Amino acid sequence: MTRRQKRQLAAALAFVTAGVIVIVVVVGGGPDERPPAPGEGGGVSEIDGGGIAPAGGQTDDGGQVPDGGQASITRPKENGEVVPDGGATTEPVPQRAAEVPKPNPDIAKAQAKALLGKGLEMSQAGALVEARTALSEAIFSGKLDPVDAQLARAEAWSLARKTIFSSRVYPGDMYAFVHKFEAGDTLEGSRGLIKRLDLRVTGALLERINNVSPQRPFMAGKPYKLLKGPFHAIVHKSEYVMDLYLQREENGRRLPKTFIRRLAVGLGRNGTTPLGSWIAYDKAGGKGTRAPYNDPQTGKIIHYGEPDYPFGEKGLWIRLHGIDENTRMYTDRGIHSTDEPESIGKAGSAGCIRLADGKTPEAWLDGIDLVFRALFAVSKPESRHKASTVWIRP
């Protein structure tokens, strides 16, 4: 956080605390009532690469310490399939009654301001998970003024970097836990941890969080941080932005909606990015790297590295499949990297959502790099309730 942002944070905290302390009492300032997360109560657990044991010396499930060996690692696939060209499809169409995120009508502007103040205060006090929850509620209330909303998003992103995208697991975090790998454990595949533990996150994200690579794989007998997803996204067409957030339904209840960050996007010319609900879908031309492009005008297939390849240097593609009456007919929409970074913030695509490549020192936390790792795609219609959902709004 820059000095200017710190001054803004301090000034906002002082103003909010002075002006809405009575409202804070009305809203309620205590932590959410919820069952303890694995490892809660034992302090902060930190895994740096190979890692150290979580606080308390136990794994998340209380299991025995593995007997050694090395676990294998899976990498994001190289997708050799062709991106659909918009023609008819005979595959089952995923359909579900998606719950569209809407502003909370029960929260007044003053209450949203109080939640912002509560979140900022808890963040300063080191209660990062509680601060994250309060700020997210304030943001999703839709009742903050533009200046306060920007401040809340900036602080929420700072907290997400610490609590979600670092190797640490914080007490009370219902989205993260420590798992000790056993010999033969992998992340992906029919017997991988992602499926067995129903994580609904990508292996690429878990690898990056734990600083794992083919040269430094997961090791049996050592604890690593795992996340519970899925992540979702809301695209606001009029603002050319995407809000990324985390929310999971577990045992019949929805965990607290957690705001991650706002990203700039490029959209379709002449309104060709349809409003409605979609899921990330990994079927025939689904999610992949260096994905071939099927030009809808010429029918020509353009492969990665060839002239006029539109997905840029990263070549990242996430297929979207419509799940409501306004989107089901589309089979060629997606989210992808671009060879035209100047089109971000404009209507320049043929209907897809464009994201720029990450340009910061931590590029994996920016643009298409972050979204590609975050969104979880499914390949079977019966698993659609586990997929990341993308809502496109006016």
Protein backbone atom coordinates (compact mmCIF):
# COMPACT_ATOMS: atom_id res chain seq x y z
CA MET A 1 0.00 0.00 0.00
CA THR A 2 1.36 3.38 -0.98
CA ARG A 3 1.80 6.30 1.44
CA ARG A 4 -1.11 8.10 -0.20
CA GLN A 5 -3.37 5.04 0.24
CA LYS A 6 -2.29 4.74 3.89
CA ARG A 7 -3.17 8.40 4.48
CA GLN A 8 -6.56 7.85 2.80
CA LEU A 9 -7.14 4.74 4.91
CA ALA A 10 -6.31 6.55 8.16
CA ALA A 11 -8.48 9.54 7.28
CA ALA A 12 -11.41 7.35 6.27
CA LEU A 13 -11.11 5.28 9.43
CA ALA A 14 -11.12 8.37 11.62
CA PHE A 15 -14.14 9.82 9.82
CA VAL A 16 -16.13 6.58 9.83
CA THR A 17 -15.36 5.77 13.45
CA ALA A 18 -16.39 9.24 14.62
CA GLY A 19 -19.55 9.45 12.53
CA VAL A 20 -21.14 6.06 12.74
CA ILE A 21 -20.19 4.50 16.06
CA VAL A 22 -23.85 4.32 17.12
CA ILE A 23 -24.75 2.56 13.88
CA VAL A 24 -21.99 0.06 14.39
CA VAL A 25 -23.68 -0.96 17.64
CA VAL A 26 -26.97 -1.40 15.80
CA VAL A 27 -25.42 -3.43 12.99
CA GLY A 28 -23.35 -5.58 15.31
CA GLY A 29 -19.59 -5.57 15.57
CA GLY A 30 -18.79 -9.10 16.59
CA PRO A 31 -17.37 -11.81 14.34
CA ASP A 32 -19.85 -13.89 12.34
CA GLU A 33 -21.29 -16.86 14.15
CA ARG A 34 -19.94 -19.88 12.34
CA PRO A 35 -18.33 -23.25 13.05
CA PRO A 36 -14.57 -23.17 13.59
CA ALA A 37 -12.41 -23.75 10.54
CA PRO A 38 -9.69 -26.38 10.55
CA GLY A 39 -6.79 -25.18 12.64
CA GLU A 40 -8.80 -22.35 14.24
CA GLY A 41 -7.65 -21.15 17.60
CA GLY A 42 -4.00 -22.05 17.20
CA GLY A 43 -2.67 -18.85 15.68
CA VAL A 44 -1.47 -18.20 12.16
CA SER A 45 -0.03 -21.13 10.26
CA GLU A 46 2.50 -20.34 7.58
CA ILE A 47 3.74 -22.60 4.85
CA ASP A 48 6.72 -21.25 2.96
CA GLY A 49 7.42 -23.53 0.03
CA GLY A 50 7.94 -26.84 1.80
CA GLY A 51 6.22 -25.32 4.83
CA ILE A 52 6.04 -25.80 8.55
CA ALA A 53 3.44 -27.70 10.50
CA PRO A 54 0.19 -25.86 11.23
CA ALA A 55 -0.41 -24.42 14.67
CA GLY A 56 -1.20 -27.24 17.04
CA GLY A 57 0.89 -29.74 15.06
CA GLN A 58 -2.06 -31.44 13.33
CA THR A 59 -3.30 -31.78 9.81
CA ASP A 60 -6.71 -30.41 8.92
CA ASP A 61 -8.40 -33.79 9.36
CA GLY A 62 -6.39 -34.99 12.36
CA GLY A 63 -4.82 -37.73 10.25
CA GLN A 64 -1.53 -39.46 10.82
CA VAL A 65 1.71 -38.10 9.50
CA PRO A 66 2.56 -39.77 6.16
CA ASP A 67 5.54 -42.08 5.95
CA GLY A 68 7.52 -40.05 3.44
CA GLY A 69 8.06 -40.17 -0.30
CA GLN A 70 7.25 -37.63 -2.97
CA ALA A 71 3.89 -36.63 -4.36
CA SER A 72 3.56 -36.00 -8.08
CA ILE A 73 2.35 -32.75 -9.55
CA THR A 74 -0.05 -32.04 -12.38
CA ARG A 75 0.30 -29.04 -14.66
CA PRO A 76 -2.31 -27.01 -16.60
CA LYS A 77 -3.12 -28.85 -19.78
CA GLU A 78 -2.11 -27.78 -23.25
CA ASN A 79 -5.45 -27.60 -25.00
CA GLY A 80 -5.28 -28.83 -28.56
CA GLU A 81 -9.01 -28.55 -29.15
CA VAL A 82 -10.70 -25.94 -31.29
CA VAL A 83 -12.68 -23.05 -29.87
CA PRO A 84 -16.31 -23.42 -31.03
CA ASP A 85 -17.39 -21.19 -33.88
CA GLY A 86 -20.92 -20.46 -32.70
CA GLY A 87 -22.63 -23.32 -34.53
CA ALA A 88 -25.24 -25.66 -33.10
CA THR A 89 -24.18 -28.14 -30.45
CA THR A 90 -25.59 -31.54 -29.54
CA GLU A 91 -24.01 -31.78 -26.10
CA PRO A 92 -26.22 -31.44 -23.00
CA VAL A 93 -26.72 -27.81 -22.07
CA PRO A 94 -25.90 -27.08 -18.42
CA GLN A 95 -28.86 -25.46 -16.69
CA ARG A 96 -29.26 -24.37 -13.13
CA ALA A 97 -31.13 -21.72 -11.24
CA ALA A 98 -28.21 -19.41 -10.62
CA GLU A 99 -28.59 -16.93 -7.80
CA VAL A 100 -27.72 -13.57 -9.29
CA PRO A 101 -25.79 -11.42 -6.78
CA LYS A 102 -27.79 -8.29 -6.04
CA PRO A 103 -27.35 -5.36 -3.66
CA ASN A 104 -28.71 -6.12 -0.22
CA PRO A 105 -31.93 -4.10 0.17
CA ASP A 106 -31.86 -4.55 3.95
CA ILE A 107 -28.64 -2.54 4.34
CA ALA A 108 -29.01 1.23 4.38
CA LYS A 109 -26.27 3.63 3.35
CA ALA A 110 -25.43 4.38 6.96
CA GLN A 111 -25.14 0.66 7.73
CA ALA A 112 -22.87 0.14 4.73
CA LYS A 113 -20.71 3.00 6.01
CA ALA A 114 -20.63 1.33 9.40
CA LEU A 115 -19.54 -1.97 7.85
CA LEU A 116 -16.76 -0.14 6.03
CA GLY A 117 -15.62 1.40 9.31
CA LYS A 118 -15.79 -1.95 11.05
CA GLY A 119 -13.74 -3.58 8.31
CA LEU A 120 -11.07 -0.89 8.33
CA GLU A 121 -10.82 -0.99 12.11
CA MET A 122 -10.52 -4.77 12.23
CA SER A 123 -7.89 -4.69 9.50
CA GLN A 124 -5.82 -2.24 11.54
CA ALA A 125 -6.24 -4.49 14.58
CA GLY A 126 -5.04 -7.57 12.70
CA ALA A 127 -8.40 -9.39 12.58
CA LEU A 128 -8.00 -9.97 8.86
CA VAL A 129 -10.68 -12.59 8.20
CA GLU A 130 -13.33 -10.62 10.08
CA ALA A 131 -12.23 -7.44 8.30
CA ARG A 132 -12.49 -9.21 4.94
CA THR A 133 -16.05 -10.30 5.70
CA ALA A 134 -17.21 -6.84 6.83
CA LEU A 135 -15.66 -5.07 3.85
CA SER A 136 -17.15 -7.58 1.44
CA GLU A 137 -20.61 -7.07 2.92
CA ALA A 138 -20.21 -3.32 2.58
CA ILE A 139 -19.09 -3.63 -1.05
CA PHE A 140 -21.88 -6.02 -2.06
CA SER A 141 -24.53 -3.90 -0.34
CA GLY A 142 -24.28 -1.49 -3.27
CA LYS A 143 -24.84 1.39 -0.84
CA LEU A 144 -21.35 2.87 -0.57
CA ASP A 145 -20.61 6.12 -2.38
CA PRO A 146 -17.96 5.89 -5.13
CA VAL A 147 -15.09 7.12 -2.96
CA ASP A 148 -15.88 4.75 -0.09
CA ALA A 149 -16.48 1.88 -2.50
CA GLN A 150 -13.06 2.38 -4.05
CA LEU A 151 -11.46 2.48 -0.61
CA ALA A 152 -13.30 -0.69 0.44
CA ARG A 153 -12.25 -2.56 -2.72
CA ALA A 154 -8.61 -1.53 -2.31
CA GLU A 155 -8.49 -2.72 1.31
CA ALA A 156 -10.41 -5.92 0.50
CA TRP A 157 -7.90 -6.75 -2.23
CA SER A 158 -5.04 -6.14 0.18
CA LEU A 159 -6.67 -8.57 2.61
CA ALA A 160 -7.32 -11.13 -0.12
CA ARG A 161 -3.65 -11.13 -1.05
CA LYS A 162 -2.76 -11.88 2.57
CA THR A 163 -5.49 -14.37 3.46
CA ILE A 164 -6.30 -16.08 0.14
CA PHE A 165 -3.29 -15.78 -2.14
CA SER A 166 -0.49 -16.25 0.38
CA SER A 167 0.74 -19.49 1.94
CA ARG A 168 -0.70 -18.54 5.33
CA VAL A 169 -3.87 -19.91 6.86
CA TYR A 170 -5.53 -17.52 9.30
CA PRO A 171 -7.72 -18.55 12.25
CA GLY A 172 -11.42 -18.55 11.47
CA ASP A 173 -10.99 -18.67 7.69
CA MET A 174 -13.68 -20.94 6.29
CA TYR A 175 -12.12 -20.91 2.82
CA ALA A 176 -8.62 -22.14 3.67
CA PHE A 177 -7.09 -25.02 5.59
CA VAL A 178 -3.85 -26.96 5.92
CA HIS A 179 -3.50 -30.44 4.47
CA LYS A 180 -0.56 -32.76 4.90
CA PHE A 181 0.27 -34.51 1.65
CA GLU A 182 0.61 -38.29 1.55
CA ALA A 183 2.79 -40.32 -0.80
CA GLY A 184 1.16 -40.49 -4.23
CA ASP A 185 -1.12 -37.47 -3.69
CA THR A 186 -1.85 -35.33 -6.73
CA LEU A 187 -4.09 -32.30 -7.15
CA GLU A 188 -5.98 -33.16 -10.31
CA GLY A 189 -7.39 -36.28 -11.90
CA SER A 190 -10.09 -38.70 -10.84
CA ARG A 191 -8.28 -39.45 -7.56
CA GLY A 192 -6.74 -36.04 -7.03
CA LEU A 193 -7.27 -33.93 -3.94
CA ILE A 194 -9.36 -31.34 -5.79
CA LYS A 195 -12.01 -33.96 -6.56
CA ARG A 196 -11.67 -36.02 -3.38
CA LEU A 197 -11.95 -32.99 -1.10
CA ASP A 198 -14.43 -31.19 -3.38
CA LEU A 199 -12.25 -28.07 -3.43
CA ARG A 200 -13.67 -26.48 -6.63
CA VAL A 201 -10.47 -24.55 -7.32
CA THR A 202 -7.77 -25.05 -9.93
CA GLY A 203 -4.54 -26.93 -9.45
CA ALA A 204 -2.67 -24.02 -11.04
CA LEU A 205 -3.85 -21.70 -8.25
CA LEU A 206 -2.92 -24.08 -5.45
CA GLU A 207 0.50 -24.66 -6.99
CA ARG A 208 1.18 -20.94 -7.19
CA ILE A 209 0.00 -20.22 -3.64
CA ASN A 210 2.28 -22.94 -2.29
CA ASN A 211 5.24 -21.96 -4.48
CA VAL A 212 5.22 -25.35 -6.17
CA SER A 213 6.70 -26.13 -9.58
CA PRO A 214 7.99 -29.18 -11.49
CA GLN A 215 11.38 -28.40 -9.99
CA ARG A 216 9.89 -28.02 -6.52
CA PRO A 217 6.92 -30.41 -6.30
CA PHE A 218 4.57 -31.15 -3.43
CA MET A 219 6.33 -33.37 -0.91
CA ALA A 220 4.71 -36.13 1.07
CA GLY A 221 4.73 -35.56 4.82
CA LYS A 222 4.64 -31.78 4.52
CA PRO A 223 1.63 -29.48 5.06
CA TYR A 224 0.33 -27.18 2.34
CA LYS A 225 -2.44 -24.65 2.10
CA LEU A 226 -5.62 -25.67 0.28
CA LEU A 227 -8.59 -23.48 -0.64
CA LYS A 228 -12.29 -24.16 -0.94
CA GLY A 229 -14.01 -22.50 -3.91
CA PRO A 230 -15.41 -21.71 -6.33
CA PHE A 231 -14.55 -18.18 -7.36
CA HIS A 232 -17.14 -16.23 -9.35
CA ALA A 233 -17.21 -13.04 -11.41
CA ILE A 234 -19.62 -10.19 -12.11
CA VAL A 235 -19.05 -8.13 -15.26
CA HIS A 236 -20.49 -4.60 -15.28
CA LYS A 237 -20.79 -3.73 -18.96
CA SER A 238 -21.34 0.01 -18.53
CA GLU A 239 -18.14 0.29 -16.46
CA TYR A 240 -16.01 -2.26 -18.37
CA VAL A 241 -14.99 -3.97 -15.13
CA MET A 242 -15.10 -7.44 -13.63
CA ASP A 243 -15.52 -8.05 -9.89
CA LEU A 244 -13.97 -11.34 -8.80
CA TYR A 245 -15.23 -12.91 -5.58
CA LEU A 246 -15.30 -16.16 -3.63
CA GLN A 247 -18.42 -17.91 -2.33
CA ARG A 248 -19.28 -21.49 -1.58
CA GLU A 249 -22.40 -23.37 -0.58
CA GLU A 250 -21.62 -26.04 1.98
CA ASN A 251 -24.00 -28.28 3.92
CA GLY A 252 -26.99 -26.29 2.70
CA ARG A 253 -25.65 -22.86 3.70
CA ARG A 254 -23.73 -20.20 1.83
CA LEU A 255 -20.41 -19.14 3.27
CA PRO A 256 -19.74 -15.37 3.48
CA LYS A 257 -19.34 -13.76 0.08
CA THR A 258 -15.71 -12.61 -0.13
CA PHE A 259 -14.70 -9.83 -2.51
CA ILE A 260 -11.34 -10.38 -4.22
CA ARG A 261 -10.61 -7.55 -6.64
CA ARG A 262 -11.87 -5.44 -9.56
CA LEU A 263 -10.29 -5.81 -13.00
CA ALA A 264 -10.70 -3.84 -16.24
CA VAL A 265 -12.12 -5.75 -19.23
CA GLY A 266 -12.79 -5.31 -22.92
CA LEU A 267 -16.20 -6.30 -24.30
CA GLY A 268 -18.02 -7.00 -27.57
CA ARG A 269 -18.74 -4.44 -30.25
CA ASN A 270 -22.34 -3.37 -30.79
CA GLY A 271 -23.62 -5.07 -27.65
CA THR A 272 -22.44 -8.55 -28.67
CA THR A 273 -21.51 -9.52 -25.10
CA PRO A 274 -24.92 -10.84 -23.93
CA LEU A 275 -26.37 -10.09 -20.52
CA GLY A 276 -27.11 -13.06 -18.32
CA SER A 277 -25.65 -16.00 -16.42
CA TRP A 278 -22.87 -18.34 -17.50
CA ILE A 279 -20.62 -21.02 -16.08
CA ALA A 280 -16.98 -21.83 -16.83
CA TYR A 281 -17.32 -24.98 -18.94
CA ASP A 282 -14.50 -27.35 -19.85
CA LYS A 283 -15.89 -29.28 -22.78
CA ALA A 284 -14.77 -29.42 -26.46
CA GLY A 285 -12.80 -26.24 -26.80
CA GLY A 286 -13.08 -25.44 -23.11
CA LYS A 287 -10.56 -23.96 -20.73
CA GLY A 288 -6.99 -24.19 -21.93
CA THR A 289 -3.65 -22.60 -22.72
CA ARG A 290 -2.51 -21.78 -26.26
CA ALA A 291 -6.04 -22.52 -27.40
CA PRO A 292 -6.63 -22.52 -31.19
CA TYR A 293 -8.96 -19.82 -32.48
CA ASN A 294 -11.72 -20.48 -34.99
CA ASP A 295 -12.39 -17.24 -36.87
CA PRO A 296 -16.20 -16.96 -37.09
CA GLN A 297 -15.99 -14.84 -40.25
CA THR A 298 -13.61 -16.95 -42.32
CA GLY A 299 -13.86 -20.35 -40.61
CA LYS A 300 -10.07 -20.46 -40.52
CA ILE A 301 -8.41 -22.07 -37.52
CA ILE A 302 -5.54 -19.93 -36.22
CA HIS A 303 -3.08 -21.67 -33.94
CA TYR A 304 -0.90 -20.18 -31.24
CA GLY A 305 2.11 -18.40 -32.71
CA GLU A 306 0.57 -17.91 -36.15
CA PRO A 307 -0.12 -14.44 -37.62
CA ASP A 308 -3.39 -12.86 -36.46
CA TYR A 309 -3.64 -15.15 -33.44
CA PRO A 310 -6.00 -13.07 -31.23
CA PHE A 311 -5.33 -14.49 -27.75
CA GLY A 312 -1.93 -12.83 -27.38
CA GLU A 313 1.26 -14.11 -25.86
CA LYS A 314 -0.47 -15.98 -23.03
CA GLY A 315 -3.02 -17.74 -25.27
CA LEU A 316 -5.46 -18.26 -22.38
CA TRP A 317 -9.09 -19.17 -23.05
CA ILE A 318 -12.01 -19.94 -20.69
CA ARG A 319 -15.15 -21.12 -22.41
CA LEU A 320 -18.44 -19.75 -21.06
CA HIS A 321 -21.67 -21.71 -21.35
CA GLY A 322 -24.98 -19.91 -20.96
CA ILE A 323 -27.38 -21.16 -18.30
CA ASP A 324 -30.39 -18.87 -18.64
CA GLU A 325 -32.92 -18.05 -21.35
CA ASN A 326 -30.82 -15.15 -22.62
CA THR A 327 -27.52 -17.03 -22.92
CA ARG A 328 -28.22 -20.71 -23.64
CA MET A 329 -28.05 -20.27 -27.42
CA TYR A 330 -24.43 -19.08 -27.34
CA THR A 331 -21.60 -21.62 -27.65
CA ASP A 332 -18.75 -19.34 -28.72
CA ARG A 333 -18.41 -16.86 -25.85
CA GLY A 334 -15.53 -16.89 -23.44
CA ILE A 335 -12.95 -15.00 -21.40
CA HIS A 336 -9.50 -14.74 -22.92
CA SER A 337 -6.17 -12.97 -23.11
CA THR A 338 -5.67 -10.58 -26.01
CA ASP A 339 -3.14 -9.34 -28.54
CA GLU A 340 -4.80 -5.89 -28.35
CA PRO A 341 -4.23 -4.62 -24.79
CA GLU A 342 -5.40 -1.16 -25.89
CA SER A 343 -8.91 -2.62 -26.31
CA ILE A 344 -9.30 -3.09 -22.54
CA GLY A 345 -11.93 -0.65 -21.31
CA LYS A 346 -13.56 -0.54 -24.74
CA ALA A 347 -16.03 -2.46 -26.92
CA GLY A 348 -13.69 -4.09 -29.44
CA SER A 349 -14.19 -7.86 -29.37
CA ALA A 350 -16.57 -10.10 -31.31
CA GLY A 351 -18.53 -10.74 -28.09
CA CYS A 352 -16.03 -12.26 -25.68
CA ILE A 353 -14.60 -10.77 -22.49
CA ARG A 354 -10.99 -9.67 -22.85
CA LEU A 355 -8.48 -9.31 -20.03
CA ALA A 356 -4.98 -7.91 -20.27
CA ASP A 357 -1.89 -9.88 -19.32
CA GLY A 358 -0.57 -9.23 -15.84
CA LYS A 359 2.18 -6.60 -15.97
CA THR A 360 3.06 -6.21 -12.30
CA PRO A 361 6.02 -7.93 -10.59
CA GLU A 362 3.43 -10.42 -9.32
CA ALA A 363 1.73 -10.87 -12.70
CA TRP A 364 -0.19 -13.97 -11.58
CA LEU A 365 -2.30 -11.73 -9.34
CA ASP A 366 -3.41 -9.49 -12.20
CA GLY A 367 -5.58 -9.60 -15.32
CA ILE A 368 -6.12 -12.82 -17.23
CA ASP A 369 -3.41 -14.56 -15.20
CA LEU A 370 -5.44 -14.25 -12.00
CA VAL A 371 -8.83 -15.01 -13.56
CA PHE A 372 -7.54 -18.06 -15.46
CA ARG A 373 -6.18 -19.54 -12.23
CA ALA A 374 -9.26 -18.59 -10.20
CA LEU A 375 -12.23 -19.74 -12.30
CA PHE A 376 -13.05 -23.42 -11.94
CA ALA A 377 -14.53 -25.14 -15.00
CA VAL A 378 -16.54 -28.37 -15.13
CA SER A 379 -16.92 -30.81 -18.02
CA LYS A 380 -20.14 -32.58 -17.04
CA PRO A 381 -23.58 -30.94 -16.89
CA GLU A 382 -24.41 -32.74 -13.65
CA SER A 383 -21.43 -31.01 -12.01
CA ARG A 384 -22.47 -27.49 -13.05
CA HIS A 385 -23.36 -26.51 -9.48
CA LYS A 386 -19.64 -26.77 -8.66
CA ALA A 387 -18.47 -24.48 -11.47
CA SER A 388 -17.45 -20.84 -11.31
CA THR A 389 -20.33 -18.63 -12.45
CA VAL A 390 -20.00 -15.42 -14.44
CA TRP A 391 -22.80 -12.86 -14.39
CA ILE A 392 -22.87 -10.15 -17.05
CA ARG A 393 -24.85 -7.09 -16.01
CA PRO A 394 -25.73 -3.82 -17.77
